[in-house]
Amino acid sequence: MSYEVELKAHVDDPITLKHDIEQQPGIGEVCCEEKDDIYYALAGQEPLFRLRMERFGPSFQNLSGNVRFTRKYKSLKDGIEVNEEVEFLSSSDQAEYAHAFFLSLGYEVYIRKTKRGYSYDWAFDETLSPLHIELVEIASLGWFLEMEFVLETAERVPYARTRLLEVLSLLGVPQERIEERYYMHLLKDFS
């Protein structure tokens, strides 16, 4: 099990921000990505887990991927998420079977989310895992900057939170742009 320390912020000018990210010293190569998520819940309840079809590549014309199954134990403080997660991968041809299996167990589709954009890894702090950055468009919600550290233990969570806010400032995104709600709740408000 790992701990994700992450934030997401609304972005008004993704082209400029993409340029600014790519100008940072030590930033990794850009990777194009598409992610289609289905969140499952029992009737009338909050979602329990997610099925994600994810595709990555050097361009949007050359993507390949897999299916990721994720169960998160979530917490949120001041717009920064700290999530414990349990997950595993399968080949992309298993998505349809997994979906049918979950529906057969009585789960319902709570919400679907489509994300398309760019991702980077940045060795921003030697004492933490590489910072994962995504600049993505969420269908019907707009553009977001997502950043996360993945930690093995919870002891470094406060320090990782501080470093996320420093990077946000470095990239010129005001803290007021942090979105404190989960995507699934934002999407549910629009459905």
C-alpha atoms as a PDB file:
ATOM      1  CA  MET A   1       0.000   0.000   0.000  1.00  0.00           C
ATOM      2  CA  SER A   2       1.254   3.488  -0.799  1.00  0.00           C
ATOM      3  CA  TYR A   3       0.311   7.021   0.205  1.00  0.00           C
ATOM      4  CA  GLU A   4      -0.481   9.566  -2.494  1.00  0.00           C
ATOM      5  CA  VAL A   5      -0.074  13.203  -1.516  1.00  0.00           C
ATOM      6  CA  GLU A   6      -1.681  15.204  -4.280  1.00  0.00           C
ATOM      7  CA  LEU A   7      -3.410  18.393  -5.274  1.00  0.00           C
ATOM      8  CA  LYS A   8      -5.251  19.628  -8.309  1.00  0.00           C
ATOM      9  CA  ALA A   9      -5.776  23.208  -9.411  1.00  0.00           C
ATOM     10  CA  HIS A  10      -7.848  24.874 -12.098  1.00  0.00           C
ATOM     11  CA  VAL A  11      -5.844  26.157 -15.065  1.00  0.00           C
ATOM     12  CA  ASP A  12      -6.876  29.044 -17.306  1.00  0.00           C
ATOM     13  CA  ASP A  13      -3.959  28.985 -19.774  1.00  0.00           C
ATOM     14  CA  PRO A  14      -2.793  25.378 -20.325  1.00  0.00           C
ATOM     15  CA  ILE A  15      -0.518  26.276 -23.268  1.00  0.00           C
ATOM     16  CA  THR A  16       1.561  28.717 -21.199  1.00  0.00           C
ATOM     17  CA  LEU A  17       1.622  26.374 -18.203  1.00  0.00           C
ATOM     18  CA  LYS A  18       2.772  23.460 -20.402  1.00  0.00           C
ATOM     19  CA  HIS A  19       5.636  25.630 -21.633  1.00  0.00           C
ATOM     20  CA  ASP A  20       6.516  26.692 -18.064  1.00  0.00           C
ATOM     21  CA  ILE A  21       6.538  23.078 -16.836  1.00  0.00           C
ATOM     22  CA  GLU A  22       8.770  21.975 -19.701  1.00  0.00           C
ATOM     23  CA  GLN A  23      11.266  24.773 -18.923  1.00  0.00           C
ATOM     24  CA  GLN A  24      11.932  23.539 -15.374  1.00  0.00           C
ATOM     25  CA  PRO A  25      15.454  22.180 -14.860  1.00  0.00           C
ATOM     26  CA  GLY A  26      15.447  18.387 -14.560  1.00  0.00           C
ATOM     27  CA  ILE A  27      11.878  17.886 -15.781  1.00  0.00           C
ATOM     28  CA  GLY A  28      11.355  14.575 -17.573  1.00  0.00           C
ATOM     29  CA  GLU A  29      10.137  14.084 -21.125  1.00  0.00           C
ATOM     30  CA  VAL A  30       6.493  14.806 -21.836  1.00  0.00           C
ATOM     31  CA  CYS A  31       4.183  11.805 -22.144  1.00  0.00           C
ATOM     32  CA  CYS A  32       0.764  12.047 -23.796  1.00  0.00           C
ATOM     33  CA  GLU A  33      -2.032  10.303 -21.912  1.00  0.00           C
ATOM     34  CA  GLU A  34      -5.702   9.406 -22.047  1.00  0.00           C
ATOM     35  CA  LYS A  35      -7.547   7.935 -19.075  1.00  0.00           C
ATOM     36  CA  ASP A  36     -11.146   6.743 -19.008  1.00  0.00           C
ATOM     37  CA  ASP A  37     -12.444   6.004 -15.517  1.00  0.00           C
ATOM     38  CA  ILE A  38     -15.568   4.271 -14.310  1.00  0.00           C
ATOM     39  CA  TYR A  39     -16.382   4.649 -10.600  1.00  0.00           C
ATOM     40  CA  TYR A  40     -18.571   1.921  -9.090  1.00  0.00           C
ATOM     41  CA  ALA A  41     -20.880   2.121  -6.087  1.00  0.00           C
ATOM     42  CA  LEU A  42     -23.708   0.220  -4.490  1.00  0.00           C
ATOM     43  CA  ALA A  43     -27.086   1.896  -5.021  1.00  0.00           C
ATOM     44  CA  GLY A  44     -27.330   5.156  -3.059  1.00  0.00           C
ATOM     45  CA  GLN A  45     -23.765   4.994  -1.727  1.00  0.00           C
ATOM     46  CA  GLU A  46     -20.440   6.659  -2.454  1.00  0.00           C
ATOM     47  CA  PRO A  47     -18.106   4.900  -4.915  1.00  0.00           C
ATOM     48  CA  LEU A  48     -15.957   2.081  -3.599  1.00  0.00           C
ATOM     49  CA  PHE A  49     -13.476   1.617  -6.441  1.00  0.00           C
ATOM     50  CA  ARG A  50     -12.468   2.602  -9.942  1.00  0.00           C
ATOM     51  CA  LEU A  51     -11.757   0.836 -13.224  1.00  0.00           C
ATOM     52  CA  ARG A  52      -9.370   2.857 -15.413  1.00  0.00           C
ATOM     53  CA  MET A  53      -8.512   2.296 -19.050  1.00  0.00           C
ATOM     54  CA  GLU A  54      -5.210   4.135 -19.450  1.00  0.00           C
ATOM     55  CA  ARG A  55      -3.162   4.805 -22.553  1.00  0.00           C
ATOM     56  CA  PHE A  56       0.248   6.493 -22.778  1.00  0.00           C
ATOM     57  CA  GLY A  57       2.722   7.342 -25.482  1.00  0.00           C
ATOM     58  CA  PRO A  58       4.997   9.888 -27.124  1.00  0.00           C
ATOM     59  CA  SER A  59       2.049  11.324 -29.095  1.00  0.00           C
ATOM     60  CA  PHE A  60      -1.738  11.032 -29.089  1.00  0.00           C
ATOM     61  CA  GLN A  61      -1.481   9.018 -32.325  1.00  0.00           C
ATOM     62  CA  ASN A  62       0.789   6.400 -30.715  1.00  0.00           C
ATOM     63  CA  LEU A  63      -0.761   5.289 -27.404  1.00  0.00           C
ATOM     64  CA  SER A  64      -0.816   1.914 -25.672  1.00  0.00           C
ATOM     65  CA  GLY A  65      -2.000   0.930 -22.242  1.00  0.00           C
ATOM     66  CA  ASN A  66      -3.708  -1.321 -19.759  1.00  0.00           C
ATOM     67  CA  VAL A  67      -6.525  -1.510 -17.234  1.00  0.00           C
ATOM     68  CA  ARG A  68      -5.933  -0.357 -13.654  1.00  0.00           C
ATOM     69  CA  PHE A  69      -8.185  -1.420 -10.765  1.00  0.00           C
ATOM     70  CA  THR A  70      -8.014   0.953  -7.778  1.00  0.00           C
ATOM     71  CA  ARG A  71      -9.548   1.150  -4.315  1.00  0.00           C
ATOM     72  CA  LYS A  72      -8.661   4.357  -2.445  1.00  0.00           C
ATOM     73  CA  TYR A  73      -9.016   5.240   1.206  1.00  0.00           C
ATOM     74  CA  LYS A  74      -9.309   9.014   0.889  1.00  0.00           C
ATOM     75  CA  SER A  75      -8.727  12.013   3.107  1.00  0.00           C
ATOM     76  CA  LEU A  76      -8.673  15.694   2.194  1.00  0.00           C
ATOM     77  CA  LYS A  77      -7.219  18.675   4.074  1.00  0.00           C
ATOM     78  CA  ASP A  78      -6.944  22.210   2.665  1.00  0.00           C
ATOM     79  CA  GLY A  79      -7.328  20.938  -0.891  1.00  0.00           C
ATOM     80  CA  ILE A  80      -4.510  18.408  -0.619  1.00  0.00           C
ATOM     81  CA  GLU A  81      -5.460  14.753  -0.771  1.00  0.00           C
ATOM     82  CA  VAL A  82      -3.701  12.014   1.144  1.00  0.00           C
ATOM     83  CA  ASN A  83      -4.871   8.675  -0.183  1.00  0.00           C
ATOM     84  CA  GLU A  84      -3.954   5.136   0.687  1.00  0.00           C
ATOM     85  CA  GLU A  85      -4.564   2.915  -2.293  1.00  0.00           C
ATOM     86  CA  VAL A  86      -4.711  -0.709  -3.236  1.00  0.00           C
ATOM     87  CA  GLU A  87      -4.426  -1.397  -6.958  1.00  0.00           C
ATOM     88  CA  PHE A  88      -3.369  -3.817  -9.651  1.00  0.00           C
ATOM     89  CA  LEU A  89      -3.057  -3.889 -13.445  1.00  0.00           C
ATOM     90  CA  SER A  90      -4.453  -6.101 -16.174  1.00  0.00           C
ATOM     91  CA  SER A  91      -4.205  -6.147 -19.951  1.00  0.00           C
ATOM     92  CA  SER A  92      -6.442  -3.700 -21.786  1.00  0.00           C
ATOM     93  CA  ASP A  93      -8.546  -6.481 -23.319  1.00  0.00           C
ATOM     94  CA  GLN A  94      -9.964  -7.301 -19.851  1.00  0.00           C
ATOM     95  CA  ALA A  95     -11.835  -3.990 -19.365  1.00  0.00           C
ATOM     96  CA  GLU A  96     -15.142  -5.144 -20.849  1.00  0.00           C
ATOM     97  CA  TYR A  97     -15.116  -8.366 -18.799  1.00  0.00           C
ATOM     98  CA  ALA A  98     -14.256  -6.525 -15.591  1.00  0.00           C
ATOM     99  CA  HIS A  99     -17.081  -4.045 -16.175  1.00  0.00           C
ATOM    100  CA  ALA A 100     -19.601  -6.870 -16.716  1.00  0.00           C
ATOM    101  CA  PHE A 101     -18.284  -8.655 -13.610  1.00  0.00           C
ATOM    102  CA  PHE A 102     -18.779  -5.597 -11.368  1.00  0.00           C
ATOM    103  CA  LEU A 103     -22.290  -5.006 -12.688  1.00  0.00           C
ATOM    104  CA  SER A 104     -23.128  -8.680 -12.036  1.00  0.00           C
ATOM    105  CA  LEU A 105     -22.125  -8.194  -8.378  1.00  0.00           C
ATOM    106  CA  GLY A 106     -24.734  -5.437  -7.995  1.00  0.00           C
ATOM    107  CA  TYR A 107     -22.481  -2.416  -8.391  1.00  0.00           C
ATOM    108  CA  GLU A 108     -23.702   0.518 -10.448  1.00  0.00           C
ATOM    109  CA  VAL A 109     -21.797   3.079 -12.463  1.00  0.00           C
ATOM    110  CA  TYR A 110     -21.563   6.104 -10.173  1.00  0.00           C
ATOM    111  CA  ILE A 111     -19.810   8.379 -12.666  1.00  0.00           C
ATOM    112  CA  ARG A 112     -17.477   8.259 -15.668  1.00  0.00           C
ATOM    113  CA  LYS A 113     -14.470  10.533 -16.104  1.00  0.00           C
ATOM    114  CA  THR A 114     -12.339  11.180 -19.184  1.00  0.00           C
ATOM    115  CA  LYS A 115      -8.940  12.799 -18.822  1.00  0.00           C
ATOM    116  CA  ARG A 116      -6.613  13.760 -21.686  1.00  0.00           C
ATOM    117  CA  GLY A 117      -3.344  15.643 -21.557  1.00  0.00           C
ATOM    118  CA  TYR A 118       0.322  15.524 -20.659  1.00  0.00           C
ATOM    119  CA  SER A 119       2.329  13.998 -17.844  1.00  0.00           C
ATOM    120  CA  TYR A 120       5.843  14.499 -16.517  1.00  0.00           C
ATOM    121  CA  ASP A 121       8.061  13.165 -13.764  1.00  0.00           C
ATOM    122  CA  TRP A 122      10.380  15.550 -11.970  1.00  0.00           C
ATOM    123  CA  ALA A 123      13.095  14.733  -9.434  1.00  0.00           C
ATOM    124  CA  PHE A 124      12.218  17.935  -7.604  1.00  0.00           C
ATOM    125  CA  ASP A 125      13.274  16.821  -4.122  1.00  0.00           C
ATOM    126  CA  GLU A 126      15.905  14.133  -3.534  1.00  0.00           C
ATOM    127  CA  THR A 127      14.297  13.095  -0.254  1.00  0.00           C
ATOM    128  CA  LEU A 128      10.949  12.277  -1.898  1.00  0.00           C
ATOM    129  CA  SER A 129       9.820  10.151  -4.809  1.00  0.00           C
ATOM    130  CA  PRO A 130       9.767  11.918  -8.174  1.00  0.00           C
ATOM    131  CA  LEU A 131       6.975  14.449  -8.407  1.00  0.00           C
ATOM    132  CA  HIS A 132       4.369  13.308 -10.930  1.00  0.00           C
ATOM    133  CA  ILE A 133       2.761  16.209 -12.800  1.00  0.00           C
ATOM    134  CA  GLU A 134      -0.231  16.040 -15.115  1.00  0.00           C
ATOM    135  CA  LEU A 135      -1.670  18.890 -17.154  1.00  0.00           C
ATOM    136  CA  VAL A 136      -5.012  17.508 -18.240  1.00  0.00           C
ATOM    137  CA  GLU A 137      -8.392  18.394 -19.611  1.00  0.00           C
ATOM    138  CA  ILE A 138     -11.286  16.741 -17.804  1.00  0.00           C
ATOM    139  CA  ALA A 139     -14.278  16.387 -20.107  1.00  0.00           C
ATOM    140  CA  SER A 140     -16.964  18.935 -19.087  1.00  0.00           C
ATOM    141  CA  LEU A 141     -14.788  20.431 -16.288  1.00  0.00           C
ATOM    142  CA  GLY A 142     -11.874  22.077 -18.109  1.00  0.00           C
ATOM    143  CA  TRP A 143      -8.100  22.080 -17.585  1.00  0.00           C
ATOM    144  CA  PHE A 144      -6.325  21.115 -14.357  1.00  0.00           C
ATOM    145  CA  LEU A 145      -2.803  20.858 -13.032  1.00  0.00           C
ATOM    146  CA  GLU A 146      -2.397  17.714 -10.930  1.00  0.00           C
ATOM    147  CA  MET A 147       0.704  17.004  -8.873  1.00  0.00           C
ATOM    148  CA  GLU A 148       1.481  14.094  -6.570  1.00  0.00           C
ATOM    149  CA  PHE A 149       4.165  12.438  -4.549  1.00  0.00           C
ATOM    150  CA  VAL A 150       3.786   8.710  -3.855  1.00  0.00           C
ATOM    151  CA  LEU A 151       5.198   7.761  -0.458  1.00  0.00           C
ATOM    152  CA  GLU A 152       5.884   4.403   1.135  1.00  0.00           C
ATOM    153  CA  THR A 153       5.109   5.627   4.663  1.00  0.00           C
ATOM    154  CA  ALA A 154       2.908   8.326   6.180  1.00  0.00           C
ATOM    155  CA  GLU A 155       5.723  10.058   8.091  1.00  0.00           C
ATOM    156  CA  ARG A 156       6.726  12.235   5.108  1.00  0.00           C
ATOM    157  CA  VAL A 157       3.178  13.393   4.279  1.00  0.00           C
ATOM    158  CA  PRO A 158       3.448  16.859   5.939  1.00  0.00           C
ATOM    159  CA  TYR A 159       6.742  17.588   4.181  1.00  0.00           C
ATOM    160  CA  ALA A 160       5.338  16.424   0.817  1.00  0.00           C
ATOM    161  CA  ARG A 161       2.317  18.713   1.290  1.00  0.00           C
ATOM    162  CA  THR A 162       4.643  21.684   1.813  1.00  0.00           C
ATOM    163  CA  ARG A 163       6.672  20.815  -1.285  1.00  0.00           C
ATOM    164  CA  LEU A 164       3.512  20.564  -3.429  1.00  0.00           C
ATOM    165  CA  LEU A 165       2.534  24.097  -2.461  1.00  0.00           C
ATOM    166  CA  GLU A 166       6.049  25.324  -3.273  1.00  0.00           C
ATOM    167  CA  VAL A 167       5.880  23.819  -6.766  1.00  0.00           C
ATOM    168  CA  LEU A 168       2.433  25.291  -7.314  1.00  0.00           C
ATOM    169  CA  SER A 169       3.848  28.732  -6.517  1.00  0.00           C
ATOM    170  CA  LEU A 170       6.934  28.115  -8.668  1.00  0.00           C
ATOM    171  CA  LEU A 171       4.670  27.370 -11.634  1.00  0.00           C
ATOM    172  CA  GLY A 172       2.709  30.589 -11.032  1.00  0.00           C
ATOM    173  CA  VAL A 173      -0.583  28.969 -10.027  1.00  0.00           C
ATOM    174  CA  PRO A 174      -2.233  30.740  -7.047  1.00  0.00           C
ATOM    175  CA  GLN A 175      -3.310  28.571  -4.120  1.00  0.00           C
ATOM    176  CA  GLU A 176      -6.839  29.940  -4.578  1.00  0.00           C
ATOM    177  CA  ARG A 177      -7.041  27.841  -7.766  1.00  0.00           C
ATOM    178  CA  ILE A 178      -6.717  24.585  -5.790  1.00  0.00           C
ATOM    179  CA  GLU A 179      -9.853  22.476  -6.191  1.00  0.00           C
ATOM    180  CA  GLU A 180     -10.781  20.863  -2.899  1.00  0.00           C
ATOM    181  CA  ARG A 181     -13.539  18.627  -4.221  1.00  0.00           C
ATOM    182  CA  TYR A 182     -12.945  15.234  -5.801  1.00  0.00           C
ATOM    183  CA  TYR A 183     -13.477  15.013  -9.558  1.00  0.00           C
ATOM    184  CA  MET A 184     -16.273  12.487  -9.105  1.00  0.00           C
ATOM    185  CA  HIS A 185     -18.262  14.990  -7.021  1.00  0.00           C
ATOM    186  CA  LEU A 186     -17.615  17.810  -9.501  1.00  0.00           C
ATOM    187  CA  LEU A 187     -18.787  15.575 -12.336  1.00  0.00           C
ATOM    188  CA  LYS A 188     -21.835  14.427 -10.360  1.00  0.00           C
ATOM    189  CA  ASP A 189     -22.837  18.105  -9.971  1.00  0.00           C
ATOM    190  CA  PHE A 190     -22.821  18.442 -13.789  1.00  0.00           C
ATOM    191  CA  SER A 191     -24.666  15.219 -14.534  1.00  0.00           C
END
